[in-house]
Amino acid sequence: MQITRDTATDANAIVSCLAGEIRLRNARYTSSLIVTRDAVVADWRHPPVAELAIGDFAALVELGPEIVLLGTGARQQLPPPALYAAFAAHGIGLEAMDNAAACRTYNLLLSEYRAVAVALML
């Protein structure tokens, strides 16, 4: 068996996650965004975490991920329980964490070829 390193050059891997800035391989973002392997939704508009609803993720749900990682900024904040239920009704898992953890987890799941999306609140 030959083992080779996959650098995921065609994927939207996150190379840097700083306060107020996310860098992908070929782009830099300073406002909230949604990222999947094949798509970037820049300038994602959203309410505060406590007011999030499934409608705030309409563009993301259309992309059909199996899991969504919600980065809630520098600290983890939990969204309303109804949001978890709404994602589950669409067959999508939802996990909330701070942005740094969301970026690390996204890259890991991306390397495993999972259908993952990350929504980062900057």
PDB file of N, CA and C in Angstrom:
ATOM      1  N   MET A   1       0.841  -1.168   0.000  1.00  0.00           N
ATOM      2  CA  MET A   1       0.000   0.000   0.000  1.00  0.00           C
ATOM      3  C   MET A   1       0.889   1.235   0.000  1.00  0.00           C
ATOM      4  N   GLN A   2       0.612   2.130  -0.906  1.00  0.00           N
ATOM      5  CA  GLN A   2       1.363   3.377  -0.959  1.00  0.00           C
ATOM      6  C   GLN A   2       0.611   4.451  -0.179  1.00  0.00           C
ATOM      7  N   ILE A   3       1.287   5.154   0.686  1.00  0.00           N
ATOM      8  CA  ILE A   3       0.682   6.234   1.455  1.00  0.00           C
ATOM      9  C   ILE A   3       1.279   7.540   0.973  1.00  0.00           C
ATOM     10  N   THR A   4       0.405   8.451   0.562  1.00  0.00           N
ATOM     11  CA  THR A   4       0.861   9.758   0.097  1.00  0.00           C
ATOM     12  C   THR A   4       0.132  10.852   0.857  1.00  0.00           C
ATOM     13  N   ARG A   5       0.799  11.954   1.000  1.00  0.00           N
ATOM     14  CA  ARG A   5       0.204  13.092   1.693  1.00  0.00           C
ATOM     15  C   ARG A   5      -0.670  13.874   0.730  1.00  0.00           C
ATOM     16  N   ASP A   6      -1.902  14.152   1.151  1.00  0.00           N
ATOM     17  CA  ASP A   6      -2.831  14.941   0.352  1.00  0.00           C
ATOM     18  C   ASP A   6      -2.829  16.359   0.897  1.00  0.00           C
ATOM     19  N   THR A   7      -2.428  17.303   0.067  1.00  0.00           N
ATOM     20  CA  THR A   7      -2.363  18.689   0.521  1.00  0.00           C
ATOM     21  C   THR A   7      -3.668  19.434   0.308  1.00  0.00           C
ATOM     22  N   ALA A   8      -4.669  18.764  -0.238  1.00  0.00           N
ATOM     23  CA  ALA A   8      -6.002  19.354  -0.449  1.00  0.00           C
ATOM     24  C   ALA A   8      -5.907  20.693  -1.167  1.00  0.00           C
ATOM     25  N   THR A   9      -5.126  20.736  -2.238  1.00  0.00           N
ATOM     26  CA  THR A   9      -4.909  21.997  -2.936  1.00  0.00           C
ATOM     27  C   THR A   9      -6.179  22.529  -3.594  1.00  0.00           C
ATOM     28  N   ASP A  10      -7.143  21.690  -3.902  1.00  0.00           N
ATOM     29  CA  ASP A  10      -8.362  22.165  -4.526  1.00  0.00           C
ATOM     30  C   ASP A  10      -9.460  22.484  -3.507  1.00  0.00           C
ATOM     31  N   ALA A  11      -9.203  22.198  -2.255  1.00  0.00           N
ATOM     32  CA  ALA A  11     -10.219  22.415  -1.221  1.00  0.00           C
ATOM     33  C   ALA A  11     -10.077  23.797  -0.604  1.00  0.00           C
ATOM     34  N   ASN A  12     -11.146  24.274  -0.022  1.00  0.00           N
ATOM     35  CA  ASN A  12     -11.140  25.537   0.708  1.00  0.00           C
ATOM     36  C   ASN A  12     -10.655  25.309   2.135  1.00  0.00           C
ATOM     37  N   ALA A  13      -9.443  24.833   2.265  1.00  0.00           N
ATOM     38  CA  ALA A  13      -8.871  24.629   3.588  1.00  0.00           C
ATOM     39  C   ALA A  13      -8.595  25.981   4.233  1.00  0.00           C
ATOM     40  N   ILE A  14      -8.756  26.050   5.541  1.00  0.00           N
ATOM     41  CA  ILE A  14      -8.486  27.275   6.290  1.00  0.00           C
ATOM     42  C   ILE A  14      -7.032  27.226   6.742  1.00  0.00           C
ATOM     43  N   VAL A  15      -6.277  28.241   6.356  1.00  0.00           N
ATOM     44  CA  VAL A  15      -4.862  28.257   6.695  1.00  0.00           C
ATOM     45  C   VAL A  15      -4.560  29.158   7.887  1.00  0.00           C
ATOM     46  N   SER A  16      -5.494  30.052   8.241  1.00  0.00           N
ATOM     47  CA  SER A  16      -5.274  30.935   9.372  1.00  0.00           C
ATOM     48  C   SER A  16      -6.609  31.392   9.933  1.00  0.00           C
ATOM     49  N   CYS A  17      -6.705  31.369  11.258  1.00  0.00           N
ATOM     50  CA  CYS A  17      -7.908  31.812  11.957  1.00  0.00           C
ATOM     51  C   CYS A  17      -7.468  32.765  13.065  1.00  0.00           C
ATOM     52  N   LEU A  18      -7.626  34.040  12.826  1.00  0.00           N
ATOM     53  CA  LEU A  18      -7.249  35.072  13.786  1.00  0.00           C
ATOM     54  C   LEU A  18      -8.493  35.841  14.206  1.00  0.00           C
ATOM     55  N   ALA A  19      -8.388  36.630  15.242  1.00  0.00           N
ATOM     56  CA  ALA A  19      -9.515  37.466  15.658  1.00  0.00           C
ATOM     57  C   ALA A  19      -9.837  38.442  14.524  1.00  0.00           C
ATOM     58  N   GLY A  20     -11.018  38.316  13.956  1.00  0.00           N
ATOM     59  CA  GLY A  20     -11.449  39.223  12.895  1.00  0.00           C
ATOM     60  C   GLY A  20     -10.926  38.918  11.517  1.00  0.00           C
ATOM     61  N   GLU A  21     -10.263  37.761  11.324  1.00  0.00           N
ATOM     62  CA  GLU A  21      -9.730  37.439  10.004  1.00  0.00           C
ATOM     63  C   GLU A  21      -9.627  35.932   9.809  1.00  0.00           C
ATOM     64  N   ILE A  22     -10.095  35.479   8.656  1.00  0.00           N
ATOM     65  CA  ILE A  22      -9.969  34.084   8.239  1.00  0.00           C
ATOM     66  C   ILE A  22      -9.249  34.083   6.895  1.00  0.00           C
ATOM     67  N   ARG A  23      -8.249  33.212   6.785  1.00  0.00           N
ATOM     68  CA  ARG A  23      -7.540  33.086   5.507  1.00  0.00           C
ATOM     69  C   ARG A  23      -7.712  31.680   4.963  1.00  0.00           C
ATOM     70  N   LEU A  24      -8.150  31.625   3.719  1.00  0.00           N
ATOM     71  CA  LEU A  24      -8.170  30.381   2.973  1.00  0.00           C
ATOM     72  C   LEU A  24      -6.900  30.352   2.134  1.00  0.00           C
ATOM     73  N   ARG A  25      -6.730  29.340   1.341  1.00  0.00           N
ATOM     74  CA  ARG A  25      -5.509  29.235   0.545  1.00  0.00           C
ATOM     75  C   ARG A  25      -5.280  30.456  -0.344  1.00  0.00           C
ATOM     76  N   ASN A  26      -6.339  30.982  -0.938  1.00  0.00           N
ATOM     77  CA  ASN A  26      -6.176  32.060  -1.912  1.00  0.00           C
ATOM     78  C   ASN A  26      -6.973  33.319  -1.581  1.00  0.00           C
ATOM     79  N   ALA A  27      -7.462  33.447  -0.368  1.00  0.00           N
ATOM     80  CA  ALA A  27      -8.298  34.604  -0.045  1.00  0.00           C
ATOM     81  C   ALA A  27      -8.238  34.921   1.443  1.00  0.00           C
ATOM     82  N   ARG A  28      -8.553  36.164   1.760  1.00  0.00           N
ATOM     83  CA  ARG A  28      -8.587  36.657   3.140  1.00  0.00           C
ATOM     84  C   ARG A  28      -9.958  37.273   3.376  1.00  0.00           C
ATOM     85  N   TYR A  29     -10.580  36.942   4.507  1.00  0.00           N
ATOM     86  CA  TYR A  29     -11.918  37.435   4.832  1.00  0.00           C
ATOM     87  C   TYR A  29     -11.903  38.114   6.197  1.00  0.00           C
ATOM     88  N   THR A  30     -12.605  39.235   6.287  1.00  0.00           N
ATOM     89  CA  THR A  30     -12.676  39.981   7.544  1.00  0.00           C
ATOM     90  C   THR A  30     -14.112  40.167   8.024  1.00  0.00           C
ATOM     91  N   SER A  31     -15.035  39.445   7.407  1.00  0.00           N
ATOM     92  CA  SER A  31     -16.426  39.451   7.861  1.00  0.00           C
ATOM     93  C   SER A  31     -16.929  38.013   7.910  1.00  0.00           C
ATOM     94  N   SER A  32     -18.019  37.803   8.600  1.00  0.00           N
ATOM     95  CA  SER A  32     -18.564  36.451   8.776  1.00  0.00           C
ATOM     96  C   SER A  32     -18.739  35.760   7.435  1.00  0.00           C
ATOM     97  N   LEU A  33     -18.499  34.447   7.425  1.00  0.00           N
ATOM     98  CA  LEU A  33     -18.583  33.704   6.177  1.00  0.00           C
ATOM     99  C   LEU A  33     -18.923  32.250   6.433  1.00  0.00           C
ATOM    100  N   ILE A  34     -19.317  31.577   5.359  1.00  0.00           N
ATOM    101  CA  ILE A  34     -19.604  30.147   5.347  1.00  0.00           C
ATOM    102  C   ILE A  34     -18.656  29.517   4.335  1.00  0.00           C
ATOM    103  N   VAL A  35     -18.044  28.400   4.720  1.00  0.00           N
ATOM    104  CA  VAL A  35     -17.069  27.745   3.839  1.00  0.00           C
ATOM    105  C   VAL A  35     -17.386  26.257   3.746  1.00  0.00           C
ATOM    106  N   THR A  36     -17.346  25.727   2.532  1.00  0.00           N
ATOM    107  CA  THR A  36     -17.400  24.286   2.289  1.00  0.00           C
ATOM    108  C   THR A  36     -16.228  23.946   1.375  1.00  0.00           C
ATOM    109  N   ARG A  37     -16.074  22.680   1.056  1.00  0.00           N
ATOM    110  CA  ARG A  37     -15.004  22.250   0.149  1.00  0.00           C
ATOM    111  C   ARG A  37     -15.054  23.008  -1.172  1.00  0.00           C
ATOM    112  N   ASP A  38     -16.256  23.247  -1.690  1.00  0.00           N
ATOM    113  CA  ASP A  38     -16.403  23.816  -3.028  1.00  0.00           C
ATOM    114  C   ASP A  38     -16.983  25.221  -3.075  1.00  0.00           C
ATOM    115  N   ALA A  39     -17.359  25.786  -1.947  1.00  0.00           N
ATOM    116  CA  ALA A  39     -18.038  27.080  -1.985  1.00  0.00           C
ATOM    117  C   ALA A  39     -17.652  27.957  -0.805  1.00  0.00           C
ATOM    118  N   VAL A  40     -17.724  29.261  -1.040  1.00  0.00           N
ATOM    119  CA  VAL A  40     -17.551  30.253   0.018  1.00  0.00           C
ATOM    120  C   VAL A  40     -18.702  31.242  -0.106  1.00  0.00           C
ATOM    121  N   VAL A  41     -19.418  31.423   0.989  1.00  0.00           N
ATOM    122  CA  VAL A  41     -20.464  32.442   1.052  1.00  0.00           C
ATOM    123  C   VAL A  41     -19.883  33.563   1.904  1.00  0.00           C
ATOM    124  N   ALA A  42     -19.395  34.603   1.239  1.00  0.00           N
ATOM    125  CA  ALA A  42     -18.762  35.717   1.935  1.00  0.00           C
ATOM    126  C   ALA A  42     -19.827  36.690   2.443  1.00  0.00           C
ATOM    127  N   ASP A  43     -19.443  37.481   3.413  1.00  0.00           N
ATOM    128  CA  ASP A  43     -20.330  38.500   4.000  1.00  0.00           C
ATOM    129  C   ASP A  43     -21.652  37.906   4.474  1.00  0.00           C
ATOM    130  N   TRP A  44     -21.560  36.781   5.160  1.00  0.00           N
ATOM    131  CA  TRP A  44     -22.748  36.138   5.730  1.00  0.00           C
ATOM    132  C   TRP A  44     -23.346  37.055   6.790  1.00  0.00           C
ATOM    133  N   ARG A  45     -24.599  37.390   6.621  1.00  0.00           N
ATOM    134  CA  ARG A  45     -25.314  38.258   7.566  1.00  0.00           C
ATOM    135  C   ARG A  45     -26.089  37.383   8.536  1.00  0.00           C
ATOM    136  N   HIS A  46     -25.950  37.658   9.817  1.00  0.00           N
ATOM    137  CA  HIS A  46     -26.593  36.841  10.842  1.00  0.00           C
ATOM    138  C   HIS A  46     -26.898  37.692  12.072  1.00  0.00           C
ATOM    139  N   PRO A  47     -27.902  37.291  12.843  1.00  0.00           N
ATOM    140  CA  PRO A  47     -28.183  37.966  14.116  1.00  0.00           C
ATOM    141  C   PRO A  47     -27.240  37.439  15.200  1.00  0.00           C
ATOM    142  N   PRO A  48     -27.362  37.943  16.426  1.00  0.00           N
ATOM    143  CA  PRO A  48     -26.582  37.367  17.534  1.00  0.00           C
ATOM    144  C   PRO A  48     -26.891  35.875  17.707  1.00  0.00           C
ATOM    145  N   VAL A  49     -25.979  35.144  18.307  1.00  0.00           N
ATOM    146  CA  VAL A  49     -26.101  33.686  18.453  1.00  0.00           C
ATOM    147  C   VAL A  49     -27.445  33.293  19.059  1.00  0.00           C
ATOM    148  N   ALA A  50     -27.883  33.975  20.096  1.00  0.00           N
ATOM    149  CA  ALA A  50     -29.125  33.625  20.790  1.00  0.00           C
ATOM    150  C   ALA A  50     -30.355  33.775  19.911  1.00  0.00           C
ATOM    151  N   GLU A  51     -30.232  34.491  18.788  1.00  0.00           N
ATOM    152  CA  GLU A  51     -31.374  34.730  17.903  1.00  0.00           C
ATOM    153  C   GLU A  51     -31.280  33.968  16.583  1.00  0.00           C
ATOM    154  N   LEU A  52     -30.281  33.127  16.431  1.00  0.00           N
ATOM    155  CA  LEU A  52     -30.114  32.393  15.172  1.00  0.00           C
ATOM    156  C   LEU A  52     -31.304  31.471  14.905  1.00  0.00           C
ATOM    157  N   ALA A  53     -31.694  31.396  13.644  1.00  0.00           N
ATOM    158  CA  ALA A  53     -32.774  30.512  13.191  1.00  0.00           C
ATOM    159  C   ALA A  53     -32.321  29.857  11.886  1.00  0.00           C
ATOM    160  N   ILE A  54     -32.988  28.820  11.480  1.00  0.00           N
ATOM    161  CA  ILE A  54     -32.600  28.075  10.287  1.00  0.00           C
ATOM    162  C   ILE A  54     -32.602  28.964   9.043  1.00  0.00           C
ATOM    163  N   GLY A  55     -33.449  29.963   9.002  1.00  0.00           N
ATOM    164  CA  GLY A  55     -33.477  30.886   7.858  1.00  0.00           C
ATOM    165  C   GLY A  55     -32.176  31.635   7.661  1.00  0.00           C
ATOM    166  N   ASP A  56     -31.422  31.823   8.721  1.00  0.00           N
ATOM    167  CA  ASP A  56     -30.130  32.499   8.624  1.00  0.00           C
ATOM    168  C   ASP A  56     -29.091  31.636   7.913  1.00  0.00           C
ATOM    169  N   PHE A  57     -29.410  30.371   7.707  1.00  0.00           N
ATOM    170  CA  PHE A  57     -28.495  29.414   7.083  1.00  0.00           C
ATOM    171  C   PHE A  57     -29.039  28.896   5.751  1.00  0.00           C
ATOM    172  N   ALA A  58     -29.945  29.629   5.121  1.00  0.00           N
ATOM    173  CA  ALA A  58     -30.590  29.159   3.892  1.00  0.00           C
ATOM    174  C   ALA A  58     -29.558  28.797   2.818  1.00  0.00           C
ATOM    175  N   ALA A  59     -28.573  29.661   2.599  1.00  0.00           N
ATOM    176  CA  ALA A  59     -27.555  29.387   1.577  1.00  0.00           C
ATOM    177  C   ALA A  59     -26.751  28.145   1.929  1.00  0.00           C
ATOM    178  N   LEU A  60     -26.496  27.940   3.201  1.00  0.00           N
ATOM    179  CA  LEU A  60     -25.726  26.786   3.660  1.00  0.00           C
ATOM    180  C   LEU A  60     -26.522  25.492   3.497  1.00  0.00           C
ATOM    181  N   VAL A  61     -27.773  25.495   3.884  1.00  0.00           N
ATOM    182  CA  VAL A  61     -28.614  24.289   3.778  1.00  0.00           C
ATOM    183  C   VAL A  61     -28.698  23.832   2.324  1.00  0.00           C
ATOM    184  N   GLU A  62     -28.754  24.787   1.386  1.00  0.00           N
ATOM    185  CA  GLU A  62     -28.807  24.441  -0.038  1.00  0.00           C
ATOM    186  C   GLU A  62     -27.553  23.705  -0.510  1.00  0.00           C
ATOM    187  N   LEU A  63     -26.438  23.915   0.181  1.00  0.00           N
ATOM    188  CA  LEU A  63     -25.189  23.252  -0.197  1.00  0.00           C
ATOM    189  C   LEU A  63     -25.156  21.781   0.217  1.00  0.00           C
ATOM    190  N   GLY A  64     -26.061  21.368   1.103  1.00  0.00           N
ATOM    191  CA  GLY A  64     -26.225  19.966   1.477  1.00  0.00           C
ATOM    192  C   GLY A  64     -25.127  19.323   2.289  1.00  0.00           C
ATOM    193  N   PRO A  65     -24.569  20.001   3.287  1.00  0.00           N
ATOM    194  CA  PRO A  65     -23.550  19.333   4.107  1.00  0.00           C
ATOM    195  C   PRO A  65     -24.172  18.282   5.017  1.00  0.00           C
ATOM    196  N   GLU A  66     -23.345  17.361   5.515  1.00  0.00           N
ATOM    197  CA  GLU A  66     -23.841  16.394   6.499  1.00  0.00           C
ATOM    198  C   GLU A  66     -23.648  16.924   7.914  1.00  0.00           C
ATOM    199  N   ILE A  67     -22.705  17.868   8.060  1.00  0.00           N
ATOM    200  CA  ILE A  67     -22.470  18.479   9.370  1.00  0.00           C
ATOM    201  C   ILE A  67     -22.077  19.941   9.185  1.00  0.00           C
ATOM    202  N   VAL A  68     -22.575  20.778  10.091  1.00  0.00           N
ATOM    203  CA  VAL A  68     -22.243  22.200  10.107  1.00  0.00           C
ATOM    204  C   VAL A  68     -21.548  22.504  11.421  1.00  0.00           C
ATOM    205  N   LEU A  69     -20.401  23.162  11.312  1.00  0.00           N
ATOM    206  CA  LEU A  69     -19.673  23.637  12.474  1.00  0.00           C
ATOM    207  C   LEU A  69     -19.941  25.130  12.582  1.00  0.00           C
ATOM    208  N   LEU A  70     -20.487  25.549  13.688  1.00  0.00           N
ATOM    209  CA  LEU A  70     -20.805  26.952  13.905  1.00  0.00           C
ATOM    210  C   LEU A  70     -19.744  27.559  14.803  1.00  0.00           C
ATOM    211  N   GLY A  71     -18.935  28.449  14.240  1.00  0.00           N
ATOM    212  CA  GLY A  71     -17.937  29.173  15.022  1.00  0.00           C
ATOM    213  C   GLY A  71     -18.568  30.448  15.540  1.00  0.00           C
ATOM    214  N   THR A  72     -18.649  30.575  16.855  1.00  0.00           N
ATOM    215  CA  THR A  72     -19.391  31.684  17.465  1.00  0.00           C
ATOM    216  C   THR A  72     -18.488  32.813  17.963  1.00  0.00           C
ATOM    217  N   GLY A  73     -17.295  32.931  17.395  1.00  0.00           N
ATOM    218  CA  GLY A  73     -16.390  34.000  17.792  1.00  0.00           C
ATOM    219  C   GLY A  73     -15.266  33.479  18.675  1.00  0.00           C
ATOM    220  N   ALA A  74     -14.734  34.359  19.513  1.00  0.00           N
ATOM    221  CA  ALA A  74     -13.601  34.002  20.367  1.00  0.00           C
ATOM    222  C   ALA A  74     -13.980  33.009  21.459  1.00  0.00           C
ATOM    223  N   ARG A  75     -15.257  32.986  21.824  1.00  0.00           N
ATOM    224  CA  ARG A  75     -15.732  32.059  22.865  1.00  0.00           C
ATOM    225  C   ARG A  75     -16.931  31.277  22.342  1.00  0.00           C
ATOM    226  N   GLN A  76     -17.065  30.066  22.823  1.00  0.00           N
ATOM    227  CA  GLN A  76     -18.210  29.246  22.451  1.00  0.00           C
ATOM    228  C   GLN A  76     -19.481  29.827  23.061  1.00  0.00           C
ATOM    229  N   GLN A  77     -20.509  29.932  22.238  1.00  0.00           N
ATOM    230  CA  GLN A  77     -21.842  30.308  22.681  1.00  0.00           C
ATOM    231  C   GLN A  77     -22.803  29.289  22.074  1.00  0.00           C
ATOM    232  N   LEU A  78     -23.785  28.891  22.821  1.00  0.00           N
ATOM    233  CA  LEU A  78     -24.726  27.896  22.306  1.00  0.00           C
ATOM    234  C   LEU A  78     -25.942  28.577  21.696  1.00  0.00           C
ATOM    235  N   PRO A  79     -26.312  28.176  20.486  1.00  0.00           N
ATOM    236  CA  PRO A  79     -27.516  28.716  19.857  1.00  0.00           C
ATOM    237  C   PRO A  79     -28.765  28.104  20.486  1.00  0.00           C
ATOM    238  N   PRO A  80     -29.943  28.616  20.149  1.00  0.00           N
ATOM    239  CA  PRO A  80     -31.184  28.071  20.708  1.00  0.00           C
ATOM    240  C   PRO A  80     -31.367  26.594  20.340  1.00  0.00           C
ATOM    241  N   PRO A  81     -31.962  25.807  21.230  1.00  0.00           N
ATOM    242  CA  PRO A  81     -32.217  24.385  20.934  1.00  0.00           C
ATOM    243  C   PRO A  81     -33.035  24.183  19.657  1.00  0.00           C
ATOM    244  N   ALA A  82     -33.903  25.125  19.335  1.00  0.00           N
ATOM    245  CA  ALA A  82     -34.720  25.005  18.124  1.00  0.00           C
ATOM    246  C   ALA A  82     -33.852  24.971  16.869  1.00  0.00           C
ATOM    247  N   LEU A  83     -32.687  25.600  16.904  1.00  0.00           N
ATOM    248  CA  LEU A  83     -31.803  25.580  15.734  1.00  0.00           C
ATOM    249  C   LEU A  83     -31.236  24.183  15.510  1.00  0.00           C
ATOM    250  N   TYR A  84     -30.848  23.510  16.583  1.00  0.00           N
ATOM    251  CA  TYR A  84     -30.370  22.128  16.462  1.00  0.00           C
ATOM    252  C   TYR A  84     -31.470  21.247  15.859  1.00  0.00           C
ATOM    253  N   ALA A  85     -32.691  21.421  16.336  1.00  0.00           N
ATOM    254  CA  ALA A  85     -33.820  20.628  15.836  1.00  0.00           C
ATOM    255  C   ALA A  85     -34.092  20.917  14.361  1.00  0.00           C
ATOM    256  N   ALA A  86     -33.992  22.182  13.966  1.00  0.00           N
ATOM    257  CA  ALA A  86     -34.242  22.547  12.569  1.00  0.00           C
ATOM    258  C   ALA A  86     -33.181  21.931  11.657  1.00  0.00           C
ATOM    259  N   PHE A  87     -31.928  21.956  12.073  1.00  0.00           N
ATOM    260  CA  PHE A  87     -30.887  21.310  11.275  1.00  0.00           C
ATOM    261  C   PHE A  87     -31.125  19.803  11.201  1.00  0.00           C
ATOM    262  N   ALA A  88     -31.485  19.194  12.311  1.00  0.00           N
ATOM    263  CA  ALA A  88     -31.752  17.751  12.332  1.00  0.00           C
ATOM    264  C   ALA A  88     -32.895  17.394  11.386  1.00  0.00           C
ATOM    265  N   ALA A  89     -33.906  18.262  11.304  1.00  0.00           N
ATOM    266  CA  ALA A  89     -35.030  18.022  10.395  1.00  0.00           C
ATOM    267  C   ALA A  89     -34.576  18.005   8.937  1.00  0.00           C
ATOM    268  N   HIS A  90     -33.473  18.676   8.641  1.00  0.00           N
ATOM    269  CA  HIS A  90     -32.894  18.673   7.295  1.00  0.00           C
ATOM    270  C   HIS A  90     -31.847  17.565   7.132  1.00  0.00           C
ATOM    271  N   GLY A  91     -31.653  16.744   8.174  1.00  0.00           N
ATOM    272  CA  GLY A  91     -30.669  15.676   8.112  1.00  0.00           C
ATOM    273  C   GLY A  91     -29.234  16.162   8.238  1.00  0.00           C
ATOM    274  N   ILE A  92     -29.068  17.305   8.911  1.00  0.00           N
ATOM    275  CA  ILE A  92     -27.748  17.919   9.054  1.00  0.00           C
ATOM    276  C   ILE A  92     -27.412  18.034  10.539  1.00  0.00           C
ATOM    277  N   GLY A  93     -26.216  17.618  10.916  1.00  0.00           N
ATOM    278  CA  GLY A  93     -25.765  17.782  12.288  1.00  0.00           C
ATOM    279  C   GLY A  93     -25.227  19.189  12.504  1.00  0.00           C
ATOM    280  N   LEU A  94     -25.349  19.699  13.711  1.00  0.00           N
ATOM    281  CA  LEU A  94     -24.859  21.036  14.052  1.00  0.00           C
ATOM    282  C   LEU A  94     -24.031  20.961  15.319  1.00  0.00           C
ATOM    283  N   GLU A  95     -22.845  21.559  15.285  1.00  0.00           N
ATOM    284  CA  GLU A  95     -21.974  21.647  16.455  1.00  0.00           C
ATOM    285  C   GLU A  95     -21.535  23.093  16.595  1.00  0.00           C
ATOM    286  N   ALA A  96     -21.660  23.657  17.785  1.00  0.00           N
ATOM    287  CA  ALA A  96     -21.222  25.030  18.050  1.00  0.00           C
ATOM    288  C   ALA A  96     -19.940  25.009  18.866  1.00  0.00           C
ATOM    289  N   MET A  97     -18.999  25.879  18.508  1.00  0.00           N
ATOM    290  CA  MET A  97     -17.716  25.977  19.205  1.00  0.00           C
ATOM    291  C   MET A  97     -17.107  27.337  18.901  1.00  0.00           C
ATOM    292  N   ASP A  98     -15.992  27.657  19.543  1.00  0.00           N
ATOM    293  CA  ASP A  98     -15.335  28.920  19.216  1.00  0.00           C
ATOM    294  C   ASP A  98     -14.726  28.817  17.815  1.00  0.00           C
ATOM    295  N   ASN A  99     -14.376  29.955  17.223  1.00  0.00           N
ATOM    296  CA  ASN A  99     -13.892  29.957  15.842  1.00  0.00           C
ATOM    297  C   ASN A  99     -12.636  29.124  15.639  1.00  0.00           C
ATOM    298  N   ALA A 100     -11.685  29.213  16.570  1.00  0.00           N
ATOM    299  CA  ALA A 100     -10.439  28.454  16.396  1.00  0.00           C
ATOM    300  C   ALA A 100     -10.720  26.950  16.358  1.00  0.00           C
ATOM    301  N   ALA A 101     -11.553  26.472  17.258  1.00  0.00           N
ATOM    302  CA  ALA A 101     -11.904  25.047  17.282  1.00  0.00           C
ATOM    303  C   ALA A 101     -12.682  24.666  16.026  1.00  0.00           C
ATOM    304  N   ALA A 102     -13.572  25.545  15.577  1.00  0.00           N
ATOM    305  CA  ALA A 102     -14.349  25.266  14.363  1.00  0.00           C
ATOM    306  C   ALA A 102     -13.435  25.151  13.149  1.00  0.00           C
ATOM    307  N   CYS A 103     -12.451  26.029  13.052  1.00  0.00           N
ATOM    308  CA  CYS A 103     -11.516  25.975  11.922  1.00  0.00           C
ATOM    309  C   CYS A 103     -10.693  24.695  11.949  1.00  0.00           C
ATOM    310  N   ARG A 104     -10.180  24.323  13.112  1.00  0.00           N
ATOM    311  CA  ARG A 104      -9.394  23.083  13.230  1.00  0.00           C
ATOM    312  C   ARG A 104     -10.239  21.868  12.874  1.00  0.00           C
ATOM    313  N   THR A 105     -11.455  21.809  13.412  1.00  0.00           N
ATOM    314  CA  THR A 105     -12.337  20.665  13.167  1.00  0.00           C
ATOM    315  C   THR A 105     -12.743  20.598  11.703  1.00  0.00           C
ATOM    316  N   TYR A 106     -13.040  21.755  11.105  1.00  0.00           N
ATOM    317  CA  TYR A 106     -13.381  21.811   9.685  1.00  0.00           C
ATOM    318  C   TYR A 106     -12.247  21.226   8.836  1.00  0.00           C
ATOM    319  N   ASN A 107     -11.018  21.663   9.083  1.00  0.00           N
ATOM    320  CA  ASN A 107      -9.885  21.155   8.300  1.00  0.00           C
ATOM    321  C   ASN A 107      -9.707  19.648   8.473  1.00  0.00           C
ATOM    322  N   LEU A 108      -9.902  19.163   9.686  1.00  0.00           N
ATOM    323  CA  LEU A 108      -9.790  17.720   9.932  1.00  0.00           C
ATOM    324  C   LEU A 108     -10.853  16.956   9.148  1.00  0.00           C
ATOM    325  N   LEU A 109     -12.114  17.383   9.252  1.00  0.00           N
ATOM    326  CA  LEU A 109     -13.196  16.699   8.541  1.00  0.00           C
ATOM    327  C   LEU A 109     -13.045  16.844   7.032  1.00  0.00           C
ATOM    328  N   LEU A 110     -12.542  17.984   6.571  1.00  0.00           N
ATOM    329  CA  LEU A 110     -12.286  18.197   5.154  1.00  0.00           C
ATOM    330  C   LEU A 110     -11.247  17.188   4.659  1.00  0.00           C
ATOM    331  N   SER A 111     -10.207  16.950   5.457  1.00  0.00           N
ATOM    332  CA  SER A 111      -9.164  16.001   5.061  1.00  0.00           C
ATOM    333  C   SER A 111      -9.680  14.574   5.019  1.00  0.00           C
ATOM    334  N   GLU A 112     -10.776  14.309   5.733  1.00  0.00           N
ATOM    335  CA  GLU A 112     -11.405  12.990   5.709  1.00  0.00           C
ATOM    336  C   GLU A 112     -12.479  12.895   4.627  1.00  0.00           C
ATOM    337  N   TYR A 113     -12.555  13.914   3.774  1.00  0.00           N
ATOM    338  CA  TYR A 113     -13.510  13.970   2.660  1.00  0.00           C
ATOM    339  C   TYR A 113     -14.960  13.924   3.121  1.00  0.00           C
ATOM    340  N   ARG A 114     -15.224  14.507   4.278  1.00  0.00           N
ATOM    341  CA  ARG A 114     -16.589  14.594   4.785  1.00  0.00           C
ATOM    342  C   ARG A 114     -17.281  15.792   4.153  1.00  0.00           C
ATOM    343  N   ALA A 115     -18.608  15.733   4.064  1.00  0.00           N
ATOM    344  CA  ALA A 115     -19.405  16.841   3.542  1.00  0.00           C
ATOM    345  C   ALA A 115     -19.646  17.812   4.702  1.00  0.00           C
ATOM    346  N   VAL A 116     -18.656  18.663   4.960  1.00  0.00           N
ATOM    347  CA  VAL A 116     -18.675  19.560   6.112  1.00  0.00           C
ATOM    348  C   VAL A 116     -18.760  21.003   5.648  1.00  0.00           C
ATOM    349  N   ALA A 117     -19.401  21.810   6.462  1.00  0.00           N
ATOM    350  CA  ALA A 117     -19.446  23.254   6.257  1.00  0.00           C
ATOM    351  C   ALA A 117     -19.111  23.921   7.581  1.00  0.00           C
ATOM    352  N   VAL A 118     -18.487  25.080   7.497  1.00  0.00           N
ATOM    353  CA  VAL A 118     -18.217  25.862   8.698  1.00  0.00           C
ATOM    354  C   VAL A 118     -18.805  27.251   8.497  1.00  0.00           C
ATOM    355  N   ALA A 119     -19.539  27.716   9.493  1.00  0.00           N
ATOM    356  CA  ALA A 119     -20.106  29.063   9.490  1.00  0.00           C
ATOM    357  C   ALA A 119     -19.401  29.828  10.600  1.00  0.00           C
ATOM    358  N   LEU A 120     -18.640  30.832  10.226  1.00  0.00           N
ATOM    359  CA  LEU A 120     -17.815  31.561  11.184  1.00  0.00           C
ATOM    360  C   LEU A 120     -18.341  32.963  11.404  1.00  0.00           C
ATOM    361  N   MET A 121     -18.593  33.286  12.659  1.00  0.00           N
ATOM    362  CA  MET A 121     -19.087  34.603  13.045  1.00  0.00           C
ATOM    363  C   MET A 121     -17.898  35.452  13.471  1.00  0.00           C
ATOM    364  N   LEU A 122     -17.600  36.461  12.675  1.00  0.00           N
ATOM    365  CA  LEU A 122     -16.457  37.337  12.984  1.00  0.00           C
ATOM    366  C   LEU A 122     -16.936  38.644  13.589  1.00  0.00           C
TER     367      LEU A 122
END
